Amino acid sequence: MTGRFTLLTIVAALAISTGLAATTYKWVDERGHVHYADSPPEGVAYEIIRTTPRQPAALPVVEGVEPPAPQATPATVPAPTERPDDPRCAPTLYQIKLLQDYGRVYKPGAGGTRVYLDDAARPAEIERLVRARDEICSQHAGIREAQERRAAELLQALSPRCAAAREKLQNLEDPDSHSVRADVERQRAFVTQNCPEVSIEDVWLGDWIWIGSRRPPGP
């Protein structure tokens, strides 16, 4: 195997070197020595041996040795361009999850009203959000993981549980409630850790209804 590789390498090198030689100059010095060079000598008569570059000679056929097959130049495939961390991605991922897993959703309307998403329009809205996700969310594993983590945080912060927790904290902090300080601190710590306030516009929100119970008046 080594002998075959060496033979083919030498033959290929000779063929390449022959093709690269464009012009050869020959002259005889005062001692009668013949010289060959790629550039003409100065102050000496010389002879031009060849002026037109020849194509590399065909490789000789050697018994039991196959000439190397021409190597195809591999096509250059451009590396995919990674999208940067677009702040619109997390809200988009949050809305897809909300519409897929939750019931009624709405967007705040004028004057404190709610504009609900009709059930018949839900599939088309999910499809629109999925197209937006594919356009703006990153395919880089690390960036995408951070975007999905922020989407999960949005889903929790905007959940009915957190809405109820913030309302409870607001009621406990009311000066007229005369709440126990320890209860206020405990509720505040829960809201701070799990239900931070988020400022986000034009996203779907999950609907929830707080149903309270009241004892009938006693005698």
N, C-alpha and C. Protein backbone atom coordinates (compact mmCIF):
# COMPACT_ATOMS: atom_id res chain seq x y z
N MET A 1 0.83 -1.20 0.00
CA MET A 1 0.00 0.00 0.00
C MET A 1 0.87 1.25 0.00
N THR A 2 1.96 1.22 0.76
CA THR A 2 2.85 2.38 0.82
C THR A 2 3.52 2.63 -0.51
N GLY A 3 3.97 1.53 -1.19
CA GLY A 3 4.61 1.69 -2.48
C GLY A 3 3.68 2.29 -3.52
N ARG A 4 2.42 1.85 -3.50
CA ARG A 4 1.45 2.38 -4.45
C ARG A 4 1.25 3.87 -4.21
N PHE A 5 1.09 4.25 -2.94
CA PHE A 5 0.87 5.67 -2.62
C PHE A 5 2.06 6.51 -3.06
N THR A 6 3.28 6.02 -2.81
CA THR A 6 4.49 6.77 -3.18
C THR A 6 4.60 6.93 -4.68
N LEU A 7 4.33 5.86 -5.42
CA LEU A 7 4.43 5.91 -6.87
C LEU A 7 3.45 6.91 -7.44
N LEU A 8 2.21 6.84 -7.02
CA LEU A 8 1.20 7.74 -7.54
C LEU A 8 1.50 9.18 -7.16
N THR A 9 2.04 9.37 -5.97
CA THR A 9 2.36 10.72 -5.53
C THR A 9 3.45 11.33 -6.39
N ILE A 10 4.50 10.55 -6.68
CA ILE A 10 5.60 11.04 -7.52
C ILE A 10 5.12 11.34 -8.93
N VAL A 11 4.33 10.44 -9.49
CA VAL A 11 3.83 10.65 -10.85
C VAL A 11 2.97 11.90 -10.91
N ALA A 12 2.11 12.07 -9.92
CA ALA A 12 1.25 13.26 -9.90
C ALA A 12 2.08 14.52 -9.76
N ALA A 13 3.11 14.47 -8.92
CA ALA A 13 3.96 15.65 -8.73
C ALA A 13 4.68 16.02 -10.01
N LEU A 14 5.17 15.02 -10.75
CA LEU A 14 5.83 15.30 -12.02
C LEU A 14 4.87 15.91 -13.02
N ALA A 15 3.65 15.40 -13.04
CA ALA A 15 2.67 15.93 -13.98
C ALA A 15 2.34 17.37 -13.65
N ILE A 16 2.21 17.67 -12.38
CA ILE A 16 1.88 19.03 -11.96
C ILE A 16 3.02 19.98 -12.28
N SER A 17 4.27 19.56 -11.95
CA SER A 17 5.41 20.43 -12.20
C SER A 17 5.59 20.71 -13.68
N THR A 18 5.30 19.71 -14.52
CA THR A 18 5.41 19.92 -15.97
C THR A 18 4.43 20.96 -16.43
N GLY A 19 3.22 20.91 -15.90
CA GLY A 19 2.20 21.87 -16.30
C GLY A 19 2.52 23.26 -15.83
N LEU A 20 3.21 23.42 -14.70
CA LEU A 20 3.47 24.74 -14.17
C LEU A 20 4.59 25.46 -14.90
N ALA A 21 5.54 24.72 -15.53
CA ALA A 21 6.66 25.36 -16.24
C ALA A 21 6.13 26.04 -17.49
N ALA A 22 6.31 27.37 -17.58
CA ALA A 22 5.79 28.10 -18.73
C ALA A 22 6.86 28.30 -19.79
N THR A 23 8.07 28.74 -19.38
CA THR A 23 9.16 29.00 -20.33
C THR A 23 10.48 28.54 -19.72
N THR A 24 11.30 27.83 -20.52
CA THR A 24 12.61 27.36 -20.07
C THR A 24 13.70 28.01 -20.92
N TYR A 25 14.75 28.47 -20.23
CA TYR A 25 15.86 29.14 -20.92
C TYR A 25 17.12 28.28 -20.80
N LYS A 26 17.87 28.16 -21.95
CA LYS A 26 19.09 27.34 -22.00
C LYS A 26 20.24 28.20 -22.49
N TRP A 27 21.36 28.08 -21.80
CA TRP A 27 22.56 28.80 -22.28
C TRP A 27 23.82 28.03 -21.86
N VAL A 28 24.93 28.36 -22.51
CA VAL A 28 26.22 27.70 -22.25
C VAL A 28 27.17 28.77 -21.73
N ASP A 29 27.81 28.47 -20.56
CA ASP A 29 28.72 29.46 -20.00
C ASP A 29 30.10 29.35 -20.66
N GLU A 30 31.06 30.20 -20.20
CA GLU A 30 32.39 30.24 -20.83
C GLU A 30 33.17 28.94 -20.63
N ARG A 31 32.74 28.11 -19.68
CA ARG A 31 33.42 26.83 -19.47
C ARG A 31 32.78 25.70 -20.25
N GLY A 32 31.73 26.01 -20.99
CA GLY A 32 31.08 24.98 -21.78
C GLY A 32 29.99 24.24 -21.03
N HIS A 33 29.64 24.70 -19.81
CA HIS A 33 28.59 24.04 -19.04
C HIS A 33 27.22 24.53 -19.50
N VAL A 34 26.30 23.61 -19.66
CA VAL A 34 24.94 23.93 -20.10
C VAL A 34 24.08 24.21 -18.87
N HIS A 35 23.31 25.30 -18.96
CA HIS A 35 22.43 25.69 -17.85
C HIS A 35 20.99 25.79 -18.34
N TYR A 36 20.06 25.44 -17.47
CA TYR A 36 18.63 25.59 -17.72
C TYR A 36 18.03 26.39 -16.55
N ALA A 37 17.12 27.29 -16.85
CA ALA A 37 16.50 28.09 -15.80
C ALA A 37 15.16 28.61 -16.29
N ASP A 38 14.34 29.07 -15.32
CA ASP A 38 13.03 29.64 -15.67
C ASP A 38 13.13 31.11 -16.03
N SER A 39 14.29 31.75 -15.79
CA SER A 39 14.47 33.16 -16.14
C SER A 39 15.75 33.27 -16.97
N PRO A 40 15.79 34.22 -17.91
CA PRO A 40 16.95 34.32 -18.81
C PRO A 40 18.16 34.89 -18.08
N PRO A 41 19.35 34.49 -18.49
CA PRO A 41 20.58 35.01 -17.88
C PRO A 41 20.88 36.42 -18.40
N GLU A 42 21.73 37.12 -17.70
CA GLU A 42 22.12 38.47 -18.10
C GLU A 42 23.47 38.44 -18.82
N GLY A 43 23.55 39.13 -19.97
CA GLY A 43 24.80 39.26 -20.71
C GLY A 43 25.27 38.00 -21.38
N VAL A 44 24.40 36.98 -21.53
CA VAL A 44 24.78 35.72 -22.16
C VAL A 44 23.72 35.37 -23.19
N ALA A 45 24.15 34.87 -24.33
CA ALA A 45 23.20 34.40 -25.33
C ALA A 45 22.50 33.16 -24.81
N TYR A 46 21.22 33.09 -25.01
CA TYR A 46 20.46 31.93 -24.50
C TYR A 46 19.46 31.48 -25.55
N GLU A 47 18.92 30.31 -25.30
CA GLU A 47 17.95 29.69 -26.22
C GLU A 47 16.66 29.44 -25.44
N ILE A 48 15.56 29.78 -26.07
CA ILE A 48 14.25 29.50 -25.46
C ILE A 48 13.83 28.10 -25.86
N ILE A 49 13.68 27.24 -24.86
CA ILE A 49 13.33 25.85 -25.14
C ILE A 49 11.83 25.71 -25.37
N ARG A 50 11.03 26.35 -24.53
CA ARG A 50 9.57 26.19 -24.64
C ARG A 50 8.92 27.47 -24.15
N THR A 51 7.95 27.97 -24.90
CA THR A 51 7.27 29.20 -24.51
C THR A 51 5.80 29.00 -24.18
N THR A 52 5.25 27.86 -24.58
CA THR A 52 3.82 27.60 -24.33
C THR A 52 3.69 26.51 -23.27
N PRO A 53 3.01 26.77 -22.18
CA PRO A 53 2.86 25.73 -21.16
C PRO A 53 2.08 24.55 -21.69
N ARG A 54 2.57 23.38 -21.37
CA ARG A 54 1.91 22.16 -21.80
C ARG A 54 0.91 21.73 -20.73
N GLN A 55 -0.11 21.02 -21.17
CA GLN A 55 -1.04 20.41 -20.24
C GLN A 55 -0.35 19.25 -19.56
N PRO A 56 -0.68 18.96 -18.31
CA PRO A 56 -0.07 17.83 -17.63
C PRO A 56 -0.25 16.56 -18.44
N ALA A 57 0.82 15.81 -18.53
CA ALA A 57 0.75 14.56 -19.28
C ALA A 57 -0.15 13.57 -18.57
N ALA A 58 -0.76 12.69 -19.36
CA ALA A 58 -1.61 11.67 -18.77
C ALA A 58 -0.76 10.74 -17.91
N LEU A 59 -1.33 10.34 -16.81
CA LEU A 59 -0.60 9.46 -15.92
C LEU A 59 -0.38 8.12 -16.60
N PRO A 60 0.82 7.56 -16.46
CA PRO A 60 1.08 6.27 -17.10
C PRO A 60 0.30 5.17 -16.42
N VAL A 61 -0.08 4.18 -17.20
CA VAL A 61 -0.79 3.03 -16.66
C VAL A 61 0.24 2.05 -16.12
N VAL A 62 0.16 1.76 -14.84
CA VAL A 62 1.08 0.83 -14.20
C VAL A 62 0.31 -0.43 -13.84
N GLU A 63 0.88 -1.56 -14.12
CA GLU A 63 0.23 -2.84 -13.86
C GLU A 63 -0.16 -2.93 -12.39
N GLY A 64 -1.46 -3.14 -12.15
CA GLY A 64 -1.95 -3.34 -10.78
C GLY A 64 -2.14 -2.04 -10.01
N VAL A 65 -1.90 -0.91 -10.65
CA VAL A 65 -2.05 0.37 -9.95
C VAL A 65 -3.06 1.22 -10.70
N GLU A 66 -4.08 1.66 -10.00
CA GLU A 66 -5.09 2.51 -10.61
C GLU A 66 -4.73 3.97 -10.37
N PRO A 67 -4.83 4.80 -11.40
CA PRO A 67 -4.55 6.22 -11.19
C PRO A 67 -5.60 6.82 -10.25
N PRO A 68 -5.20 7.82 -9.49
CA PRO A 68 -6.15 8.40 -8.54
C PRO A 68 -7.31 9.07 -9.25
N ALA A 69 -8.51 8.87 -8.72
CA ALA A 69 -9.69 9.49 -9.30
C ALA A 69 -9.66 10.98 -9.03
N PRO A 70 -10.14 11.78 -9.97
CA PRO A 70 -10.17 13.23 -9.73
C PRO A 70 -11.06 13.55 -8.53
N GLN A 71 -10.59 14.43 -7.70
CA GLN A 71 -11.31 14.79 -6.49
C GLN A 71 -12.27 15.94 -6.80
N ALA A 72 -13.53 15.67 -6.50
CA ALA A 72 -14.53 16.72 -6.70
C ALA A 72 -14.39 17.77 -5.62
N THR A 73 -14.52 19.00 -6.03
CA THR A 73 -14.45 20.08 -5.06
C THR A 73 -15.75 20.13 -4.27
N PRO A 74 -15.68 19.94 -2.95
CA PRO A 74 -16.93 19.93 -2.17
C PRO A 74 -17.61 21.29 -2.21
N ALA A 75 -18.93 21.23 -2.29
CA ALA A 75 -19.69 22.47 -2.29
C ALA A 75 -19.61 23.12 -0.92
N THR A 76 -19.47 24.40 -0.93
CA THR A 76 -19.39 25.14 0.33
C THR A 76 -20.79 25.41 0.85
N VAL A 77 -21.10 24.86 2.00
CA VAL A 77 -22.41 25.05 2.59
C VAL A 77 -22.31 26.16 3.62
N PRO A 78 -22.99 27.25 3.42
CA PRO A 78 -22.88 28.34 4.40
C PRO A 78 -23.44 27.94 5.75
N ALA A 79 -22.75 28.35 6.79
CA ALA A 79 -23.23 28.06 8.14
C ALA A 79 -24.51 28.82 8.40
N PRO A 80 -25.47 28.17 9.08
CA PRO A 80 -26.72 28.86 9.36
C PRO A 80 -26.49 30.09 10.23
N THR A 81 -27.17 31.16 9.87
CA THR A 81 -27.04 32.39 10.64
C THR A 81 -27.92 32.30 11.87
N GLU A 82 -27.31 32.38 13.03
CA GLU A 82 -28.06 32.30 14.26
C GLU A 82 -28.74 33.63 14.55
N ARG A 83 -30.03 33.54 14.88
CA ARG A 83 -30.74 34.76 15.22
C ARG A 83 -30.34 35.20 16.61
N PRO A 84 -30.25 36.50 16.83
CA PRO A 84 -29.92 36.98 18.18
C PRO A 84 -31.10 36.77 19.12
N ASP A 85 -30.89 37.11 20.37
CA ASP A 85 -31.92 36.96 21.38
C ASP A 85 -32.95 38.08 21.21
N ASP A 86 -34.01 37.79 20.48
CA ASP A 86 -35.05 38.77 20.21
C ASP A 86 -36.01 38.84 21.40
N PRO A 87 -36.24 40.02 21.98
CA PRO A 87 -37.12 40.11 23.15
C PRO A 87 -38.57 39.76 22.84
N ARG A 88 -38.95 39.70 21.57
CA ARG A 88 -40.32 39.33 21.22
C ARG A 88 -40.57 37.83 21.31
N CYS A 89 -39.49 37.04 21.40
CA CYS A 89 -39.65 35.58 21.36
C CYS A 89 -40.38 35.05 22.59
N ALA A 90 -39.94 35.44 23.79
CA ALA A 90 -40.54 34.89 25.01
C ALA A 90 -42.04 35.16 25.08
N PRO A 91 -42.53 36.38 24.81
CA PRO A 91 -43.98 36.58 24.81
C PRO A 91 -44.70 35.72 23.77
N THR A 92 -44.05 35.48 22.64
CA THR A 92 -44.67 34.65 21.61
C THR A 92 -44.78 33.20 22.09
N LEU A 93 -43.70 32.67 22.68
CA LEU A 93 -43.74 31.31 23.21
C LEU A 93 -44.77 31.19 24.33
N TYR A 94 -44.85 32.21 25.17
CA TYR A 94 -45.84 32.21 26.26
C TYR A 94 -47.26 32.13 25.71
N GLN A 95 -47.56 32.90 24.67
CA GLN A 95 -48.92 32.92 24.14
C GLN A 95 -49.28 31.59 23.47
N ILE A 96 -48.31 30.96 22.80
CA ILE A 96 -48.58 29.66 22.19
C ILE A 96 -48.97 28.66 23.26
N LYS A 97 -48.20 28.63 24.34
CA LYS A 97 -48.50 27.70 25.44
C LYS A 97 -49.86 28.02 26.05
N LEU A 98 -50.14 29.30 26.25
CA LEU A 98 -51.40 29.70 26.85
C LEU A 98 -52.58 29.25 26.00
N LEU A 99 -52.51 29.50 24.70
CA LEU A 99 -53.63 29.15 23.82
C LEU A 99 -53.79 27.65 23.63
N GLN A 100 -52.68 26.92 23.77
CA GLN A 100 -52.75 25.47 23.60
C GLN A 100 -53.31 24.77 24.84
N ASP A 101 -53.03 25.30 26.03
CA ASP A 101 -53.32 24.56 27.26
C ASP A 101 -54.40 25.18 28.14
N TYR A 102 -54.79 26.43 27.88
CA TYR A 102 -55.72 27.10 28.76
C TYR A 102 -57.06 27.33 28.07
N GLY A 103 -58.03 27.74 28.88
CA GLY A 103 -59.38 27.98 28.38
C GLY A 103 -59.52 29.35 27.76
N ARG A 104 -60.40 30.14 28.33
CA ARG A 104 -60.70 31.45 27.75
C ARG A 104 -59.50 32.39 27.90
N VAL A 105 -59.24 33.13 26.83
CA VAL A 105 -58.16 34.12 26.85
C VAL A 105 -58.72 35.43 26.31
N TYR A 106 -58.09 36.51 26.69
CA TYR A 106 -58.57 37.82 26.28
C TYR A 106 -57.40 38.78 26.20
N LYS A 107 -57.68 39.95 25.61
CA LYS A 107 -56.75 41.08 25.64
C LYS A 107 -57.50 42.27 26.24
N PRO A 108 -56.81 43.07 27.03
CA PRO A 108 -57.47 44.23 27.62
C PRO A 108 -57.97 45.19 26.54
N GLY A 109 -59.20 45.63 26.70
CA GLY A 109 -59.79 46.58 25.77
C GLY A 109 -59.92 47.95 26.38
N ALA A 110 -60.60 48.82 25.67
CA ALA A 110 -60.77 50.20 26.13
C ALA A 110 -61.67 50.24 27.36
N GLY A 111 -61.33 51.14 28.28
CA GLY A 111 -62.17 51.35 29.45
C GLY A 111 -62.25 50.15 30.38
N GLY A 112 -61.18 49.35 30.43
CA GLY A 112 -61.18 48.21 31.33
C GLY A 112 -61.97 47.01 30.83
N THR A 113 -62.37 47.03 29.57
CA THR A 113 -63.12 45.89 29.02
C THR A 113 -62.15 44.77 28.61
N ARG A 114 -62.71 43.64 28.28
CA ARG A 114 -61.92 42.49 27.85
C ARG A 114 -62.40 42.03 26.47
N VAL A 115 -61.46 41.83 25.56
CA VAL A 115 -61.77 41.34 24.22
C VAL A 115 -61.35 39.88 24.17
N TYR A 116 -62.32 38.98 24.14
CA TYR A 116 -62.05 37.55 24.22
C TYR A 116 -61.77 36.97 22.83
N LEU A 117 -60.96 35.93 22.82
CA LEU A 117 -60.66 35.22 21.58
C LEU A 117 -61.73 34.16 21.35
N ASP A 118 -62.36 34.22 20.21
CA ASP A 118 -63.40 33.25 19.88
C ASP A 118 -62.77 31.88 19.65
N ASP A 119 -63.46 30.84 20.10
CA ASP A 119 -62.92 29.48 19.96
C ASP A 119 -62.67 29.12 18.50
N ALA A 120 -63.53 29.60 17.60
CA ALA A 120 -63.35 29.28 16.18
C ALA A 120 -62.10 29.94 15.61
N ALA A 121 -61.68 31.05 16.20
CA ALA A 121 -60.50 31.76 15.70
C ALA A 121 -59.21 31.30 16.38
N ARG A 122 -59.31 30.45 17.39
CA ARG A 122 -58.11 30.03 18.13
C ARG A 122 -57.09 29.29 17.27
N PRO A 123 -57.48 28.31 16.44
CA PRO A 123 -56.46 27.61 15.63
C PRO A 123 -55.67 28.54 14.72
N ALA A 124 -56.35 29.50 14.10
CA ALA A 124 -55.64 30.43 13.21
C ALA A 124 -54.70 31.32 14.00
N GLU A 125 -55.08 31.70 15.21
CA GLU A 125 -54.21 32.55 16.03
C GLU A 125 -52.98 31.77 16.48
N ILE A 126 -53.16 30.50 16.83
CA ILE A 126 -52.01 29.67 17.20
C ILE A 126 -51.06 29.53 16.01
N GLU A 127 -51.63 29.31 14.82
CA GLU A 127 -50.79 29.19 13.62
C GLU A 127 -50.01 30.47 13.37
N ARG A 128 -50.65 31.61 13.57
CA ARG A 128 -49.96 32.89 13.37
C ARG A 128 -48.80 33.03 14.35
N LEU A 129 -49.02 32.66 15.60
CA LEU A 129 -47.97 32.76 16.61
C LEU A 129 -46.83 31.78 16.33
N VAL A 130 -47.15 30.61 15.83
CA VAL A 130 -46.10 29.63 15.49
C VAL A 130 -45.23 30.17 14.36
N ARG A 131 -45.83 30.81 13.36
CA ARG A 131 -45.04 31.40 12.28
C ARG A 131 -44.13 32.51 12.82
N ALA A 132 -44.68 33.30 13.75
CA ALA A 132 -43.85 34.35 14.35
C ALA A 132 -42.71 33.75 15.15
N ARG A 133 -42.98 32.66 15.87
CA ARG A 133 -41.92 31.97 16.63
C ARG A 133 -40.80 31.51 15.71
N ASP A 134 -41.15 30.89 14.60
CA ASP A 134 -40.13 30.38 13.68
C ASP A 134 -39.32 31.51 13.05
N GLU A 135 -39.89 32.70 13.00
CA GLU A 135 -39.20 33.83 12.37
C GLU A 135 -38.29 34.57 13.34
N ILE A 136 -38.69 34.70 14.61
CA ILE A 136 -37.95 35.57 15.51
C ILE A 136 -37.18 34.82 16.60
N CYS A 137 -37.55 33.59 16.91
CA CYS A 137 -36.87 32.86 17.99
C CYS A 137 -35.58 32.22 17.47
N SER A 138 -34.59 32.14 18.32
CA SER A 138 -33.28 31.62 17.92
C SER A 138 -33.29 30.10 17.85
N GLN A 139 -32.43 29.54 16.97
CA GLN A 139 -32.23 28.10 16.89
C GLN A 139 -31.01 27.66 17.69
N HIS A 140 -30.27 28.63 18.22
CA HIS A 140 -29.11 28.31 19.05
C HIS A 140 -29.61 27.74 20.38
N ALA A 141 -29.05 26.59 20.79
CA ALA A 141 -29.59 25.87 21.95
C ALA A 141 -29.57 26.73 23.20
N GLY A 142 -28.46 27.41 23.46
CA GLY A 142 -28.35 28.20 24.67
C GLY A 142 -29.31 29.37 24.68
N ILE A 143 -29.40 30.09 23.55
CA ILE A 143 -30.31 31.24 23.47
C ILE A 143 -31.75 30.78 23.56
N ARG A 144 -32.09 29.70 22.86
CA ARG A 144 -33.47 29.22 22.86
C ARG A 144 -33.88 28.76 24.27
N GLU A 145 -32.97 28.14 24.98
CA GLU A 145 -33.29 27.70 26.35
C GLU A 145 -33.62 28.90 27.23
N ALA A 146 -32.86 29.98 27.11
CA ALA A 146 -33.14 31.18 27.89
C ALA A 146 -34.49 31.79 27.49
N GLN A 147 -34.81 31.78 26.20
CA GLN A 147 -36.08 32.32 25.75
C GLN A 147 -37.26 31.51 26.28
N GLU A 148 -37.12 30.20 26.28
CA GLU A 148 -38.20 29.35 26.79
C GLU A 148 -38.33 29.49 28.31
N ARG A 149 -37.21 29.71 28.99
CA ARG A 149 -37.28 29.92 30.44
C ARG A 149 -38.04 31.21 30.76
N ARG A 150 -37.77 32.27 30.00
CA ARG A 150 -38.49 33.52 30.23
C ARG A 150 -39.97 33.37 29.89
N ALA A 151 -40.28 32.57 28.88
CA ALA A 151 -41.68 32.33 28.54
C ALA A 151 -42.40 31.62 29.68
N ALA A 152 -41.72 30.65 30.32
CA ALA A 152 -42.33 29.95 31.46
C ALA A 152 -42.54 30.90 32.63
N GLU A 153 -41.61 31.82 32.82
CA GLU A 153 -41.77 32.81 33.89
C GLU A 153 -42.96 33.72 33.61
N LEU A 154 -43.15 34.10 32.34
CA LEU A 154 -44.31 34.90 31.98
C LEU A 154 -45.60 34.13 32.23
N LEU A 155 -45.60 32.86 31.86
CA LEU A 155 -46.79 32.03 32.04
C LEU A 155 -47.18 31.96 33.51
N GLN A 156 -46.20 31.89 34.38
CA GLN A 156 -46.50 31.84 35.80
C GLN A 156 -46.89 33.21 36.34
N ALA A 157 -46.15 34.25 35.94
CA ALA A 157 -46.43 35.58 36.47
C ALA A 157 -47.81 36.07 36.05
N LEU A 158 -48.28 35.65 34.89
CA LEU A 158 -49.58 36.08 34.39
C LEU A 158 -50.68 35.05 34.63
N SER A 159 -50.38 34.05 35.47
CA SER A 159 -51.36 33.00 35.72
C SER A 159 -52.42 33.46 36.72
N PRO A 160 -53.58 32.78 36.76
CA PRO A 160 -54.60 33.10 37.76
C PRO A 160 -54.07 32.98 39.20
N ARG A 161 -53.18 32.03 39.43
CA ARG A 161 -52.63 31.87 40.78
C ARG A 161 -51.90 33.13 41.22
N CYS A 162 -51.07 33.68 40.32
CA CYS A 162 -50.32 34.88 40.68
C CYS A 162 -51.24 36.10 40.75
N ALA A 163 -52.24 36.13 39.90
CA ALA A 163 -53.19 37.24 39.99
C ALA A 163 -53.89 37.24 41.34
N ALA A 164 -54.27 36.05 41.82
CA ALA A 164 -54.90 35.94 43.13
C ALA A 164 -53.92 36.28 44.25
N ALA A 165 -52.66 35.88 44.07
CA ALA A 165 -51.66 36.15 45.10
C ALA A 165 -51.40 37.64 45.23
N ARG A 166 -51.33 38.34 44.10
CA ARG A 166 -51.12 39.79 44.16
C ARG A 166 -52.32 40.51 44.75
N GLU A 167 -53.51 40.01 44.43
CA GLU A 167 -54.71 40.62 45.00
C GLU A 167 -54.77 40.40 46.51
N LYS A 168 -54.38 39.21 46.93
CA LYS A 168 -54.36 38.93 48.37
C LYS A 168 -53.37 39.84 49.08
N LEU A 169 -52.19 40.03 48.48
CA LEU A 169 -51.20 40.91 49.08
C LEU A 169 -51.73 42.34 49.17
N GLN A 170 -52.41 42.76 48.13
CA GLN A 170 -52.97 44.11 48.14
C GLN A 170 -53.99 44.27 49.27
N ASN A 171 -54.79 43.25 49.48
CA ASN A 171 -55.78 43.30 50.56
C ASN A 171 -55.10 43.29 51.92
N LEU A 172 -54.03 42.49 52.06
CA LEU A 172 -53.33 42.43 53.35
C LEU A 172 -52.63 43.75 53.66
N GLU A 173 -52.15 44.44 52.61
CA GLU A 173 -51.44 45.69 52.83
C GLU A 173 -52.37 46.88 53.05
N ASP A 174 -53.64 46.67 52.86
CA ASP A 174 -54.60 47.75 53.10
C ASP A 174 -54.57 48.13 54.59
N PRO A 175 -54.34 49.41 54.90
CA PRO A 175 -54.26 49.81 56.32
C PRO A 175 -55.52 49.47 57.11
N ASP A 176 -56.65 49.41 56.44
CA ASP A 176 -57.90 49.13 57.16
C ASP A 176 -58.08 47.65 57.45
N SER A 177 -57.17 46.79 56.89
CA SER A 177 -57.36 45.35 57.10
C SER A 177 -56.83 44.87 58.44
N HIS A 178 -55.94 45.69 59.07
CA HIS A 178 -55.33 45.32 60.34
C HIS A 178 -54.71 43.92 60.28
N SER A 179 -53.96 43.66 59.19
CA SER A 179 -53.37 42.33 58.98
C SER A 179 -52.21 42.11 59.92
N VAL A 180 -51.96 40.85 60.21
CA VAL A 180 -50.81 40.46 61.00
C VAL A 180 -49.56 40.69 60.15
N ARG A 181 -48.57 41.32 60.72
CA ARG A 181 -47.37 41.69 59.96
C ARG A 181 -46.69 40.47 59.35
N ALA A 182 -46.64 39.37 60.11
CA ALA A 182 -45.99 38.16 59.59
C ALA A 182 -46.69 37.64 58.34
N ASP A 183 -48.04 37.74 58.31
CA ASP A 183 -48.78 37.29 57.14
C ASP A 183 -48.47 38.16 55.92
N VAL A 184 -48.35 39.47 56.17
CA VAL A 184 -48.04 40.38 55.07
C VAL A 184 -46.65 40.09 54.51
N GLU A 185 -45.67 39.89 55.40
CA GLU A 185 -44.31 39.63 54.94
C GLU A 185 -44.23 38.31 54.19
N ARG A 186 -44.93 37.32 54.68
CA ARG A 186 -44.90 36.01 54.01
C ARG A 186 -45.53 36.10 52.61
N GLN A 187 -46.65 36.80 52.50
CA GLN A 187 -47.31 36.94 51.21
C GLN A 187 -46.47 37.78 50.25
N ARG A 188 -45.82 38.82 50.77
CA ARG A 188 -44.98 39.68 49.94
C ARG A 188 -43.79 38.89 49.40
N ALA A 189 -43.20 38.04 50.24
CA ALA A 189 -42.06 37.24 49.79
C ALA A 189 -42.48 36.26 48.70
N PHE A 190 -43.68 35.67 48.85
CA PHE A 190 -44.16 34.73 47.83
C PHE A 190 -44.36 35.44 46.49
N VAL A 191 -44.99 36.61 46.53
CA VAL A 191 -45.25 37.35 45.30
C VAL A 191 -43.94 37.79 44.64
N THR A 192 -43.00 38.26 45.45
CA THR A 192 -41.72 38.73 44.90
C THR A 192 -40.97 37.60 44.22
N GLN A 193 -41.00 36.43 44.80
CA GLN A 193 -40.24 35.31 44.26
C GLN A 193 -40.93 34.64 43.08
N ASN A 194 -42.24 34.55 43.13
CA ASN A 194 -42.95 33.75 42.13
C ASN A 194 -43.81 34.55 41.16
N CYS A 195 -44.21 35.72 41.55
CA CYS A 195 -45.19 36.46 40.75
C CYS A 195 -44.77 37.91 40.54
N PRO A 196 -43.63 38.15 39.92
CA PRO A 196 -43.21 39.55 39.72
C PRO A 196 -44.15 40.25 38.74
N GLU A 197 -44.29 41.54 38.94
CA GLU A 197 -45.09 42.34 38.00
C GLU A 197 -44.37 42.40 36.64
N VAL A 198 -45.12 42.20 35.59
CA VAL A 198 -44.57 42.27 34.25
C VAL A 198 -45.32 43.33 33.47
N SER A 199 -44.57 44.09 32.70
CA SER A 199 -45.17 45.10 31.85
C SER A 199 -45.08 44.62 30.42
N ILE A 200 -46.19 44.19 29.89
CA ILE A 200 -46.20 43.64 28.54
C ILE A 200 -47.53 43.99 27.89
N GLU A 201 -47.48 44.33 26.63
CA GLU A 201 -48.66 44.79 25.92
C GLU A 201 -48.97 43.88 24.74
N ASP A 202 -50.24 43.90 24.36
CA ASP A 202 -50.72 43.19 23.18
C ASP A 202 -50.41 41.69 23.23
N VAL A 203 -50.69 41.08 24.36
CA VAL A 203 -50.56 39.63 24.49
C VAL A 203 -51.87 39.09 25.06
N TRP A 204 -52.11 37.83 24.79
CA TRP A 204 -53.29 37.18 25.33
C TRP A 204 -53.08 36.87 26.80
N LEU A 205 -54.13 37.02 27.59
CA LEU A 205 -54.09 36.74 29.02
C LEU A 205 -55.14 35.69 29.34
N GLY A 206 -54.83 34.85 30.32
CA GLY A 206 -55.79 33.84 30.73
C GLY A 206 -56.90 34.44 31.59
N ASP A 207 -58.13 34.06 31.29
CA ASP A 207 -59.27 34.55 32.06
C ASP A 207 -59.42 33.72 33.33
N TRP A 208 -59.84 34.34 34.38
CA TRP A 208 -60.11 33.62 35.61
C TRP A 208 -61.21 34.35 36.36
N ILE A 209 -61.94 33.60 37.12
CA ILE A 209 -63.06 34.14 37.89
C ILE A 209 -62.86 33.74 39.34
N TRP A 210 -62.80 34.72 40.19
CA TRP A 210 -62.64 34.46 41.62
C TRP A 210 -64.01 34.21 42.22
N ILE A 211 -64.19 33.00 42.72
CA ILE A 211 -65.46 32.63 43.31
C ILE A 211 -65.29 32.54 44.81
N GLY A 212 -65.89 33.44 45.54
CA GLY A 212 -65.78 33.43 46.99
C GLY A 212 -67.00 32.76 47.62
N SER A 213 -66.87 32.47 48.87
CA SER A 213 -68.01 31.87 49.61
C SER A 213 -68.31 32.75 50.80
N ARG A 214 -69.54 32.82 51.12
CA ARG A 214 -69.97 33.66 52.25
C ARG A 214 -70.95 32.88 53.09
N ARG A 215 -70.69 32.88 54.36
CA ARG A 215 -71.62 32.20 55.24
C ARG A 215 -72.94 32.97 55.32
N PRO A 216 -74.01 32.25 55.46
CA PRO A 216 -75.28 32.94 55.64
C PRO A 216 -75.28 33.67 56.96
N PRO A 217 -75.94 34.78 57.01
CA PRO A 217 -75.96 35.52 58.27
C PRO A 217 -76.53 34.68 59.41
N GLY A 218 -75.89 34.77 60.54
CA GLY A 218 -76.36 34.01 61.69
C GLY A 218 -77.56 34.67 62.35
N PRO A 219 -78.12 33.98 63.28
CA PRO A 219 -79.28 34.54 63.97
C PRO A 219 -78.90 35.74 64.80
